[in-house]
Amino acid sequence: MSDYLTDEEQLDKLKKWWEENGLILAGAVVLSVAGVIGWNWYGERQAATVAGSSDLYADYLRAEGTERETIEATLASEYPDSVYRAFILLRSAQSESEDENPEGALAALTDALSLVDDDKLADVIRIRIARVEQELDRSDAALSTLGQVRSLGLRSHVQELKGDIHMARGERALAHEAYGAALEEAGQDAQRPLLQLKVADTADANEA
């Protein structure tokens, strides 16, 4: 029927439709454009963040002494959630351990864990946390931390550390079980002479 409407009638219908739907259409267009602009801005911001934090980390590795401390503070201030800050925290944890400050190492590792998204790296950090917790005589916490590790390639190391914890607690049978599981996870071709020695050394507990 619209083919038979006069130009004036068609114009009136168009005006009426625009009055009823124009704001909705305009809003949809604005939202669509804003979404595209916002996503591009987010992508550019993310790229800039990665580049900026990466450059700072490179400067950090080249620097020494107070200059390194300044760069570390800048990275923490400007890019607090950057994975490169996590890398610095891991190095800091290592230094704290070497200085026989396990509490400081644990704090740095815990902060690093909160910054990483990669599951494998997070599990490596959890194993390091468990070692420090064991050093602090927090064996229950250490076992709980190890229970959160899910990466298949780390199972042998997790089981071996569990064995060490059980040995420190005088639980030789549980230690032997954990060492045996660690050796099995490692596979027949793995060169783990120390682990094999641990299995043999605790075999008597299993027999008892």
Foldseek 3Di string as FASTA:
>chain_A
DVVPDDPVVVVVVVVVVCVVCVVVVVVVVVVVVVVVVVVVVVVVVVVVLQVVLVVLLVVLVVDDDPVNVVSLVVCCVPPVLDLSNLVVLCVQLVVCVVVVNLVSNLVSLVSSLVRDDDLVVNLVSLQVNLVSCVVVVNNVVSLVSLVPRDDLVCQLVSLQVNLVSCVVVVNLLSSLVSLVVSVVSCDPPDDDVVSVVSNVVSVVVVVD
